Amino acid sequence: MVKSLTEAMVAIEGENLRGVTWVVIDEVKSGDWGVGGNQLTTEAVQALAAGAA
């Protein structure tokens, strides 16, 4: 993820950004986030990814 995000920034902004691109991964506990006013759990996200309604 870190490498891919860095490469994306370099592709957009140029090689000079490589050395100053910071990627911070911040884990969020299941249920501590939501979309469209609905709380999401890990299970709900996995169901969405699997194509469940």
N, C-alpha and C. Protein backbone atom coordinates (compact mmCIF):
# COMPACT_ATOMS: atom_id res chain seq x y z
N MET A 1 0.82 -1.17 0.00
CA MET A 1 0.00 0.00 0.00
C MET A 1 0.88 1.25 0.00
N VAL A 2 1.91 1.25 0.84
CA VAL A 2 2.80 2.41 0.92
C VAL A 2 3.49 2.64 -0.42
N LYS A 3 4.01 1.58 -0.99
CA LYS A 3 4.70 1.72 -2.28
C LYS A 3 3.74 2.18 -3.38
N SER A 4 2.55 1.60 -3.42
CA SER A 4 1.58 1.96 -4.46
C SER A 4 1.12 3.41 -4.35
N LEU A 5 0.88 3.87 -3.13
CA LEU A 5 0.47 5.26 -2.95
C LEU A 5 1.60 6.22 -3.32
N THR A 6 2.82 5.86 -2.95
CA THR A 6 3.97 6.68 -3.33
C THR A 6 4.11 6.74 -4.84
N GLU A 7 3.99 5.60 -5.50
CA GLU A 7 4.09 5.58 -6.97
C GLU A 7 2.99 6.40 -7.62
N ALA A 8 1.79 6.37 -7.04
CA ALA A 8 0.69 7.17 -7.58
C ALA A 8 1.00 8.65 -7.48
N MET A 9 1.53 9.08 -6.35
CA MET A 9 1.88 10.49 -6.18
C MET A 9 2.99 10.91 -7.15
N VAL A 10 3.98 10.05 -7.32
CA VAL A 10 5.07 10.34 -8.25
C VAL A 10 4.55 10.41 -9.67
N ALA A 11 3.64 9.53 -10.02
CA ALA A 11 3.07 9.54 -11.38
C ALA A 11 2.30 10.83 -11.64
N ILE A 12 1.67 11.37 -10.61
CA ILE A 12 0.88 12.59 -10.76
C ILE A 12 1.74 13.84 -10.68
N GLU A 13 2.61 13.90 -9.68
CA GLU A 13 3.33 15.13 -9.37
C GLU A 13 4.80 15.15 -9.80
N GLY A 14 5.34 13.97 -10.14
CA GLY A 14 6.73 13.93 -10.60
C GLY A 14 7.67 13.32 -9.57
N GLU A 15 8.83 12.93 -10.05
CA GLU A 15 9.83 12.22 -9.25
C GLU A 15 10.28 13.00 -8.02
N ASN A 16 10.26 14.32 -8.08
CA ASN A 16 10.71 15.12 -6.94
C ASN A 16 9.88 14.89 -5.69
N LEU A 17 8.67 14.36 -5.84
CA LEU A 17 7.81 14.12 -4.69
C LEU A 17 8.12 12.81 -3.97
N ARG A 18 8.88 11.91 -4.60
CA ARG A 18 9.14 10.60 -4.00
C ARG A 18 9.71 10.72 -2.59
N GLY A 19 10.71 11.53 -2.42
CA GLY A 19 11.39 11.62 -1.13
C GLY A 19 10.61 12.34 -0.04
N VAL A 20 9.55 13.00 -0.42
CA VAL A 20 8.76 13.75 0.58
C VAL A 20 7.32 13.27 0.67
N THR A 21 7.03 12.12 0.08
CA THR A 21 5.68 11.55 0.16
C THR A 21 5.60 10.69 1.42
N TRP A 22 4.72 11.08 2.31
CA TRP A 22 4.50 10.32 3.55
C TRP A 22 3.19 9.57 3.43
N VAL A 23 3.20 8.32 3.85
CA VAL A 23 1.98 7.51 3.89
C VAL A 23 1.79 7.07 5.33
N VAL A 24 0.66 7.42 5.91
CA VAL A 24 0.36 7.05 7.28
C VAL A 24 -0.84 6.10 7.26
N ILE A 25 -0.66 4.94 7.85
CA ILE A 25 -1.76 3.97 7.92
C ILE A 25 -2.33 4.04 9.33
N ASP A 26 -3.61 4.35 9.41
CA ASP A 26 -4.28 4.52 10.69
C ASP A 26 -5.41 3.50 10.76
N GLU A 27 -5.23 2.48 11.57
CA GLU A 27 -6.25 1.44 11.71
C GLU A 27 -7.48 2.01 12.41
N VAL A 28 -8.66 1.62 11.93
CA VAL A 28 -9.92 2.04 12.53
C VAL A 28 -10.66 0.78 12.98
N LYS A 29 -11.10 0.77 14.23
CA LYS A 29 -11.79 -0.40 14.75
C LYS A 29 -13.14 -0.60 14.06
N SER A 30 -13.52 -1.85 13.93
CA SER A 30 -14.81 -2.21 13.34
C SER A 30 -15.93 -1.47 14.06
N GLY A 31 -16.80 -0.83 13.27
CA GLY A 31 -17.92 -0.12 13.83
C GLY A 31 -17.63 1.34 14.16
N ASP A 32 -16.35 1.74 14.10
CA ASP A 32 -15.97 3.12 14.42
C ASP A 32 -15.96 4.02 13.19
N TRP A 33 -16.61 3.60 12.12
CA TRP A 33 -16.69 4.42 10.92
C TRP A 33 -17.98 4.11 10.20
N GLY A 34 -18.33 4.95 9.26
CA GLY A 34 -19.58 4.73 8.56
C GLY A 34 -19.62 5.45 7.23
N VAL A 35 -20.64 5.11 6.45
CA VAL A 35 -20.86 5.70 5.14
C VAL A 35 -22.35 5.97 5.00
N GLY A 36 -22.69 7.14 4.51
CA GLY A 36 -24.10 7.46 4.27
C GLY A 36 -24.95 7.45 5.52
N GLY A 37 -24.35 7.78 6.65
CA GLY A 37 -25.10 7.82 7.90
C GLY A 37 -25.26 6.48 8.58
N ASN A 38 -24.65 5.44 8.02
CA ASN A 38 -24.75 4.09 8.59
C ASN A 38 -23.41 3.63 9.13
N GLN A 39 -23.42 3.10 10.35
CA GLN A 39 -22.22 2.54 10.95
C GLN A 39 -21.84 1.26 10.21
N LEU A 40 -20.54 1.10 9.94
CA LEU A 40 -20.09 -0.10 9.24
C LEU A 40 -19.18 -0.92 10.15
N THR A 41 -19.33 -2.22 10.02
CA THR A 41 -18.46 -3.17 10.72
C THR A 41 -17.59 -3.86 9.68
N THR A 42 -16.59 -4.56 10.15
CA THR A 42 -15.73 -5.32 9.25
C THR A 42 -16.56 -6.31 8.44
N GLU A 43 -17.50 -6.95 9.10
CA GLU A 43 -18.34 -7.95 8.43
C GLU A 43 -19.18 -7.30 7.32
N ALA A 44 -19.70 -6.10 7.57
CA ALA A 44 -20.51 -5.42 6.58
C ALA A 44 -19.67 -5.05 5.36
N VAL A 45 -18.44 -4.61 5.58
CA VAL A 45 -17.55 -4.26 4.47
C VAL A 45 -17.20 -5.51 3.68
N GLN A 46 -16.92 -6.60 4.36
CA GLN A 46 -16.62 -7.85 3.67
C GLN A 46 -17.81 -8.32 2.85
N ALA A 47 -19.02 -8.16 3.35
CA ALA A 47 -20.22 -8.54 2.61
C ALA A 47 -20.37 -7.67 1.38
N LEU A 48 -20.11 -6.35 1.51
CA LEU A 48 -20.18 -5.46 0.35
C LEU A 48 -19.15 -5.87 -0.70
N ALA A 49 -17.95 -6.19 -0.25
CA ALA A 49 -16.89 -6.59 -1.19
C ALA A 49 -17.24 -7.88 -1.90
N ALA A 50 -17.99 -8.75 -1.23
CA ALA A 50 -18.39 -10.03 -1.83
C ALA A 50 -19.60 -9.89 -2.73
N GLY A 51 -20.19 -8.67 -2.77
CA GLY A 51 -21.33 -8.45 -3.64
C GLY A 51 -22.67 -8.63 -3.00
N ALA A 52 -22.69 -8.78 -1.68
CA ALA A 52 -23.97 -8.92 -0.97
C ALA A 52 -24.65 -7.57 -0.88
N ALA A 53 -25.96 -7.58 -0.91
CA ALA A 53 -26.72 -6.32 -0.83
C ALA A 53 -26.80 -5.81 0.58
